[in-house]
Amino acid sequence: MTRVTVLGAGGWGTAFALVLADAGCDVHVWARRDAVARELHESRTNSVYLPGIELPTGVRATTDAAAALAGADLVVLAVPAQALREHLVRWAPLLPPAAPLVSLAKGVELGTGARMTEVVREVTGAAQERLVAVSGPNLALEVARREPSATVVACTDDTTGHAVADACTTASFRPYLSTDVVGVEVAGAVKNVVALAVGIAEGLGYGDNAKAAVVTRGLAESARLGVALGASSGTFAGLAGAGDLVATCASPLSRNHRAGVALGQGRGVQEVLGAGQVAEGVRSAAAVLGLAHSRGVQMPLTEQVAEVVAGRRSAAEAARALLSRPRTTDGI
């Protein structure tokens, strides 16, 4: 039986732990808070992040990272993007030397512009063949309810990719394989920013025409950035690109969408951030924009979201700025 350690007990980390257990893995979850670990371990529930979901018996939890990581065949990193480096510095000496390292986080690191697998490699020194990104239209609550879902397992090494896919294949969760780690990670990071923009449009009272325009122009921005970084343009038409974008922009379960609605309604960023779970797009918008600027890529939608998040422009002002831009051609 494959022993898997999931480092992080938020909604997506807990849902992925459920998937791994359903696939027959022996799953050990590290939780930051004693109360969450205790509830997971004793009641097999996580009422804070996944209310109403009961986890399989194959899931155990602890706040002791060393105990959680002991003997792991596979390590899943399920902490927020902007906290990954800080945690990894502490975890690096405890990581099994040959275990694949799977990132669930979707974002670009502030200050460095690094993708999540780049952060993992820099901190741990792990070979590229051990690094995996999992991304797709994976709203945590739907996955935890065992509703049909698909995802992308991206790794430059086919053997590692297949091993991770085998560990998370169930009757309701279907992984697809990719070697385009760059494209999958860029798509996952940018879609959070686009979901904020769609939410902002909704908060402003705009209809489906406006939201569809935001989604499609956001997809074009995502693909432009990805291609500039060496990704395949085809990745952005797949599950990790258009698929994840549709789910995140359309669903009320999406934290980024909800945060965008609140911003569009005039609520402040600190109020939005203090309302509960992390909306990665709020924290990553500036990092994504900085990465784009470093490669000479124009991302006007991302730029306006970053302005709103920083408090330098209201949602209505951002919308007017986008509508008054010089005309360009459609497409990527």
Protein backbone atom coordinates (compact mmCIF):
# COMPACT_ATOMS: atom_id res chain seq x y z
CA MET A 1 0.00 0.00 0.00
CA THR A 2 1.31 3.45 -0.95
CA ARG A 3 1.86 5.70 2.06
CA VAL A 4 1.07 9.33 1.24
CA THR A 5 1.63 12.40 3.37
CA VAL A 6 -0.55 15.45 2.73
CA LEU A 7 0.98 18.58 4.22
CA GLY A 8 -1.96 20.92 4.73
CA ALA A 9 -5.51 20.36 5.97
CA GLY A 10 -7.43 23.07 4.16
CA GLY A 11 -10.34 22.31 1.88
CA TRP A 12 -8.38 21.08 -1.13
CA GLY A 13 -5.75 19.25 0.92
CA THR A 14 -8.47 17.41 2.85
CA ALA A 15 -10.45 16.62 -0.31
CA PHE A 16 -7.32 15.27 -2.01
CA ALA A 17 -6.58 13.16 1.06
CA LEU A 18 -10.06 11.66 0.66
CA VAL A 19 -9.33 10.88 -3.00
CA LEU A 20 -6.01 9.23 -2.10
CA ALA A 21 -7.69 7.11 0.57
CA ASP A 22 -10.46 6.11 -1.83
CA ALA A 23 -7.71 5.02 -4.25
CA GLY A 24 -6.34 2.67 -1.59
CA CYS A 25 -3.49 4.76 -0.16
CA ASP A 26 -2.50 4.97 3.49
CA VAL A 27 -2.90 8.73 4.06
CA HIS A 28 -1.35 10.85 6.80
CA VAL A 29 -2.36 14.52 6.96
CA TRP A 30 -0.36 17.26 8.66
CA ALA A 31 -2.55 20.04 10.05
CA ARG A 32 -1.25 23.32 11.43
CA ARG A 33 -3.89 23.57 14.16
CA ASP A 34 -4.41 21.06 16.95
CA ALA A 35 -8.20 21.30 16.76
CA VAL A 36 -8.27 20.49 13.03
CA ALA A 37 -5.86 17.57 13.41
CA ARG A 38 -7.82 16.18 16.34
CA GLU A 39 -11.13 16.40 14.50
CA LEU A 40 -9.68 14.79 11.38
CA HIS A 41 -8.09 11.98 13.37
CA GLU A 42 -10.92 11.27 15.80
CA SER A 43 -14.07 12.13 13.86
CA ARG A 44 -12.78 11.90 10.28
CA THR A 45 -14.36 15.27 9.53
CA ASN A 46 -13.09 18.78 8.81
CA SER A 47 -16.03 20.99 9.71
CA VAL A 48 -14.12 24.22 9.10
CA TYR A 49 -13.18 23.55 5.48
CA LEU A 50 -15.41 20.68 4.30
CA PRO A 51 -18.60 20.64 6.36
CA GLY A 52 -20.77 17.59 5.99
CA ILE A 53 -18.02 15.36 4.59
CA GLU A 54 -16.88 12.17 6.31
CA LEU A 55 -13.40 10.97 5.42
CA PRO A 56 -12.47 7.31 4.83
CA THR A 57 -10.91 5.30 7.62
CA GLY A 58 -7.58 5.34 5.77
CA VAL A 59 -6.94 8.99 6.69
CA ARG A 60 -4.99 9.90 9.83
CA ALA A 61 -3.92 13.35 11.03
CA THR A 62 -1.30 14.96 13.24
CA THR A 63 0.38 18.31 13.90
CA ASP A 64 3.78 16.55 13.99
CA ALA A 65 5.31 16.96 10.52
CA ALA A 66 8.11 14.47 11.23
CA ALA A 67 5.62 11.79 12.22
CA ALA A 68 3.44 12.51 9.21
CA LEU A 69 6.39 12.29 6.80
CA ALA A 70 8.04 9.17 8.23
CA GLY A 71 8.15 6.48 5.57
CA ALA A 72 6.16 8.44 2.99
CA ASP A 73 6.26 7.13 -0.58
CA LEU A 74 4.61 10.29 -1.87
CA VAL A 75 4.39 13.82 -0.41
CA VAL A 76 1.58 16.23 -1.29
CA LEU A 77 2.11 19.94 -0.61
CA ALA A 78 -1.28 21.51 0.10
CA VAL A 79 -0.51 24.85 1.74
CA PRO A 80 -1.26 28.30 0.23
CA ALA A 81 1.14 29.48 -2.46
CA GLN A 82 2.56 32.42 -0.50
CA ALA A 83 3.24 30.21 2.53
CA LEU A 84 4.89 27.32 0.68
CA ARG A 85 8.52 28.48 0.94
CA GLU A 86 8.24 29.24 4.67
CA HIS A 87 6.87 25.77 5.39
CA LEU A 88 9.29 23.99 3.09
CA VAL A 89 12.30 25.46 4.86
CA ARG A 90 11.15 23.62 8.00
CA TRP A 91 10.04 20.47 6.21
CA ALA A 92 12.99 20.00 3.85
CA PRO A 93 15.18 18.00 6.30
CA LEU A 94 12.23 15.67 6.99
CA LEU A 95 11.31 14.86 3.38
CA PRO A 96 12.00 11.29 2.20
CA PRO A 97 14.88 11.57 -0.31
CA ALA A 98 13.20 9.77 -3.21
CA ALA A 99 9.49 10.55 -2.76
CA PRO A 100 7.74 12.54 -5.51
CA LEU A 101 6.74 16.02 -4.31
CA VAL A 102 3.27 17.00 -5.50
CA SER A 103 2.16 20.63 -5.45
CA LEU A 104 -1.54 21.44 -5.16
CA ALA A 105 -1.00 25.19 -4.74
CA LYS A 106 -1.95 27.53 -7.57
CA GLY A 107 -0.05 30.79 -7.57
CA VAL A 108 3.13 32.71 -8.31
CA GLU A 109 5.38 33.66 -5.43
CA LEU A 110 5.51 37.31 -4.51
CA GLY A 111 8.97 38.82 -4.73
CA THR A 112 10.49 36.06 -6.84
CA GLY A 113 7.93 35.36 -9.57
CA ALA A 114 8.59 31.65 -9.01
CA ARG A 115 6.07 28.96 -9.83
CA MET A 116 5.35 26.49 -7.06
CA THR A 117 7.50 23.63 -8.38
CA GLU A 118 10.33 26.15 -8.79
CA VAL A 119 9.97 27.06 -5.12
CA VAL A 120 10.02 23.38 -4.18
CA ARG A 121 13.13 22.69 -6.23
CA GLU A 122 14.96 25.74 -4.92
CA VAL A 123 14.28 24.97 -1.26
CA THR A 124 14.62 21.18 -1.32
CA GLY A 125 17.10 20.62 -4.13
CA ALA A 126 14.83 17.87 -5.47
CA ALA A 127 15.43 16.72 -9.03
CA GLN A 128 12.95 17.95 -11.63
CA GLU A 129 11.79 14.35 -12.17
CA ARG A 130 10.38 14.27 -8.62
CA LEU A 131 8.30 17.43 -9.00
CA VAL A 132 4.63 17.19 -9.88
CA ALA A 133 1.86 19.76 -10.27
CA VAL A 134 -1.79 18.71 -9.94
CA SER A 135 -4.28 21.19 -11.32
CA GLY A 136 -7.68 21.27 -12.96
CA PRO A 137 -11.36 22.02 -12.38
CA ASN A 138 -11.23 20.64 -8.84
CA LEU A 139 -13.59 22.51 -6.54
CA ALA A 140 -12.82 20.86 -3.23
CA LEU A 141 -16.35 20.30 -1.98
CA GLU A 142 -17.49 18.65 -5.22
CA VAL A 143 -14.43 16.38 -5.19
CA ALA A 144 -15.10 15.51 -1.53
CA ARG A 145 -18.71 14.69 -2.38
CA ARG A 146 -17.32 12.23 -4.93
CA GLU A 147 -18.96 14.03 -7.81
CA PRO A 148 -17.29 13.21 -11.16
CA SER A 149 -14.12 15.29 -11.53
CA ALA A 150 -11.00 15.29 -13.69
CA THR A 151 -7.56 16.78 -13.13
CA VAL A 152 -4.14 17.06 -14.73
CA VAL A 153 -1.04 15.42 -13.25
CA ALA A 154 1.92 17.27 -14.73
CA CYS A 155 5.49 15.98 -14.48
CA THR A 156 8.47 15.96 -16.83
CA ASP A 157 9.02 12.28 -15.97
CA ASP A 158 6.42 9.83 -17.25
CA THR A 159 7.15 7.20 -14.60
CA THR A 160 6.61 9.66 -11.76
CA GLY A 161 3.52 11.09 -13.43
CA HIS A 162 1.94 7.66 -13.81
CA ALA A 163 2.76 6.78 -10.19
CA VAL A 164 1.01 9.90 -8.90
CA ALA A 165 -1.95 9.36 -11.24
CA ASP A 166 -2.27 5.78 -10.02
CA ALA A 167 -2.34 7.01 -6.42
CA CYS A 168 -5.30 9.33 -7.05
CA THR A 169 -7.45 7.44 -9.56
CA THR A 170 -10.90 6.54 -8.22
CA ALA A 171 -14.36 5.80 -9.58
CA SER A 172 -15.16 9.54 -9.48
CA PHE A 173 -11.75 11.21 -9.87
CA ARG A 174 -9.94 10.85 -13.20
CA PRO A 175 -6.40 12.17 -13.74
CA TYR A 176 -4.96 13.03 -17.15
CA LEU A 177 -1.20 13.22 -17.72
CA SER A 178 0.91 16.09 -19.02
CA THR A 179 4.61 16.88 -19.27
CA ASP A 180 3.90 20.63 -19.55
CA VAL A 181 4.51 21.58 -15.92
CA VAL A 182 5.03 25.24 -16.84
CA GLY A 183 1.73 25.52 -18.69
CA VAL A 184 -0.27 23.72 -16.03
CA GLU A 185 1.15 25.92 -13.26
CA VAL A 186 0.73 29.18 -15.17
CA ALA A 187 -2.86 28.29 -16.06
CA GLY A 188 -3.61 27.49 -12.41
CA ALA A 189 -2.13 30.74 -11.16
CA VAL A 190 -3.70 33.08 -13.70
CA LYS A 191 -7.17 31.54 -13.51
CA ASN A 192 -7.42 32.71 -9.89
CA VAL A 193 -6.83 36.29 -11.02
CA VAL A 194 -9.35 35.94 -13.84
CA ALA A 195 -11.90 34.52 -11.39
CA LEU A 196 -11.44 37.63 -9.27
CA ALA A 197 -12.12 39.73 -12.37
CA VAL A 198 -15.29 37.78 -13.18
CA GLY A 199 -16.44 38.18 -9.60
CA ILE A 200 -15.72 41.91 -9.73
CA ALA A 201 -17.84 42.18 -12.89
CA GLU A 202 -20.66 40.34 -11.15
CA GLY A 203 -20.32 42.52 -8.06
CA LEU A 204 -20.63 45.58 -10.28
CA GLY A 205 -23.93 44.21 -11.58
CA TYR A 206 -22.69 43.32 -15.06
CA GLY A 207 -24.30 40.48 -17.00
CA ASP A 208 -23.14 37.38 -18.83
CA ASN A 209 -21.76 39.24 -21.85
CA ALA A 210 -19.26 41.06 -19.66
CA LYS A 211 -18.36 37.92 -17.72
CA ALA A 212 -17.83 35.91 -20.91
CA ALA A 213 -15.56 38.64 -22.26
CA VAL A 214 -13.51 38.59 -19.05
CA VAL A 215 -13.16 34.80 -19.15
CA THR A 216 -12.03 34.64 -22.77
CA ARG A 217 -9.67 37.61 -22.58
CA GLY A 218 -8.31 36.20 -19.35
CA LEU A 219 -7.64 32.89 -21.08
CA ALA A 220 -5.77 34.74 -23.81
CA GLU A 221 -3.62 36.48 -21.19
CA SER A 222 -2.89 33.19 -19.46
CA ALA A 223 -1.82 31.54 -22.72
CA ARG A 224 0.38 34.50 -23.71
CA LEU A 225 2.25 34.35 -20.44
CA GLY A 226 2.56 30.58 -20.54
CA VAL A 227 3.92 30.50 -24.09
CA ALA A 228 6.44 33.23 -23.20
CA LEU A 229 7.67 31.00 -20.37
CA GLY A 230 8.01 27.96 -22.64
CA ALA A 231 4.61 26.30 -22.20
CA SER A 232 2.56 24.66 -24.92
CA SER A 233 -0.39 26.75 -26.11
CA GLY A 234 -2.51 23.57 -26.22
CA THR A 235 -2.37 23.23 -22.45
CA PHE A 236 -4.56 26.31 -22.10
CA ALA A 237 -7.37 24.70 -24.08
CA GLY A 238 -7.39 21.66 -21.77
CA LEU A 239 -8.50 20.80 -18.25
CA ALA A 240 -5.79 22.80 -16.51
CA GLY A 241 -6.53 25.82 -18.69
CA ALA A 242 -10.06 26.38 -19.98
CA GLY A 243 -11.50 23.66 -17.74
CA ASP A 244 -10.21 25.10 -14.49
CA LEU A 245 -11.02 28.62 -15.65
CA VAL A 246 -14.67 27.77 -16.31
CA ALA A 247 -15.12 26.07 -12.95
CA THR A 248 -13.39 28.78 -10.94
CA CYS A 249 -15.09 31.67 -12.70
CA ALA A 250 -18.61 30.23 -12.69
CA SER A 251 -19.03 28.43 -9.38
CA PRO A 252 -20.20 30.00 -6.12
CA LEU A 253 -17.91 27.44 -4.44
CA SER A 254 -14.89 29.30 -5.83
CA ARG A 255 -13.18 31.42 -3.16
CA ASN A 256 -11.66 33.69 -5.80
CA HIS A 257 -15.01 34.27 -7.45
CA ARG A 258 -16.62 35.11 -4.12
CA ALA A 259 -13.77 37.46 -3.22
CA GLY A 260 -14.14 39.22 -6.57
CA VAL A 261 -17.87 39.73 -6.04
CA ALA A 262 -17.12 41.33 -2.67
CA LEU A 263 -14.50 43.63 -4.23
CA GLY A 264 -16.94 44.59 -6.98
CA GLN A 265 -19.50 45.49 -4.34
CA GLY A 266 -17.03 47.90 -2.80
CA ARG A 267 -15.70 45.89 0.13
CA GLY A 268 -12.06 46.42 1.04
CA VAL A 269 -9.32 43.88 0.47
CA GLN A 270 -8.60 43.40 4.16
CA GLU A 271 -12.27 42.75 4.82
CA VAL A 272 -12.32 40.20 2.00
CA LEU A 273 -9.16 38.47 3.23
CA GLY A 274 -10.49 38.36 6.77
CA ALA A 275 -13.71 36.67 5.74
CA GLY A 276 -12.38 33.11 5.83
CA GLN A 277 -10.48 30.87 3.46
CA VAL A 278 -7.59 32.03 1.30
CA ALA A 279 -8.36 33.47 -2.15
CA GLU A 280 -5.05 32.89 -3.91
CA GLY A 281 -5.76 35.42 -6.66
CA VAL A 282 -5.83 38.30 -4.16
CA ARG A 283 -2.30 37.48 -3.05
CA SER A 284 -0.92 36.39 -6.43
CA ALA A 285 -2.23 39.11 -8.79
CA ALA A 286 0.78 41.37 -8.30
CA ALA A 287 3.18 38.42 -8.60
CA VAL A 288 1.59 37.25 -11.86
CA LEU A 289 1.75 40.79 -13.23
CA GLY A 290 5.39 41.15 -12.21
CA LEU A 291 6.25 37.89 -13.95
CA ALA A 292 4.46 39.10 -17.09
CA HIS A 293 6.34 42.39 -17.06
CA SER A 294 9.66 40.54 -16.71
CA ARG A 295 8.88 38.72 -19.98
CA GLY A 296 7.39 41.69 -21.81
CA VAL A 297 3.90 40.16 -21.83
CA GLN A 298 0.90 42.48 -21.82
CA MET A 299 -1.83 41.42 -19.35
CA PRO A 300 -4.28 44.35 -19.10
CA LEU A 301 -6.97 42.39 -17.23
CA THR A 302 -4.47 41.15 -14.65
CA GLU A 303 -3.10 44.68 -14.34
CA GLN A 304 -6.50 46.11 -13.46
CA VAL A 305 -7.20 43.35 -10.93
CA ALA A 306 -3.84 44.09 -9.30
CA GLU A 307 -4.78 47.78 -9.12
CA VAL A 308 -8.09 46.98 -7.41
CA VAL A 309 -6.48 44.54 -4.98
CA ALA A 310 -3.83 47.13 -4.09
CA GLY A 311 -6.53 49.73 -3.42
CA ARG A 312 -5.20 52.10 -6.10
CA ARG A 313 -8.33 51.88 -8.25
CA SER A 314 -11.99 51.13 -7.64
CA ALA A 315 -13.69 48.26 -9.42
CA ALA A 316 -15.72 50.67 -11.55
CA GLU A 317 -12.57 52.60 -12.51
CA ALA A 318 -10.85 49.36 -13.50
CA ALA A 319 -13.78 48.41 -15.73
CA ARG A 320 -13.71 51.81 -17.45
CA ALA A 321 -9.96 51.51 -18.00
CA LEU A 322 -10.38 48.16 -19.73
CA LEU A 323 -13.27 49.33 -21.91
CA SER A 324 -11.38 52.43 -23.04
CA ARG A 325 -8.20 50.61 -24.13
CA PRO A 326 -7.10 50.89 -27.76
CA ARG A 327 -8.59 48.19 -29.99
CA THR A 328 -6.62 45.00 -30.54
CA THR A 329 -7.18 41.77 -32.44
CA ASP A 330 -8.93 38.84 -30.82
CA GLY A 331 -7.22 35.58 -29.90
CA ILE A 332 -3.96 34.80 -28.17
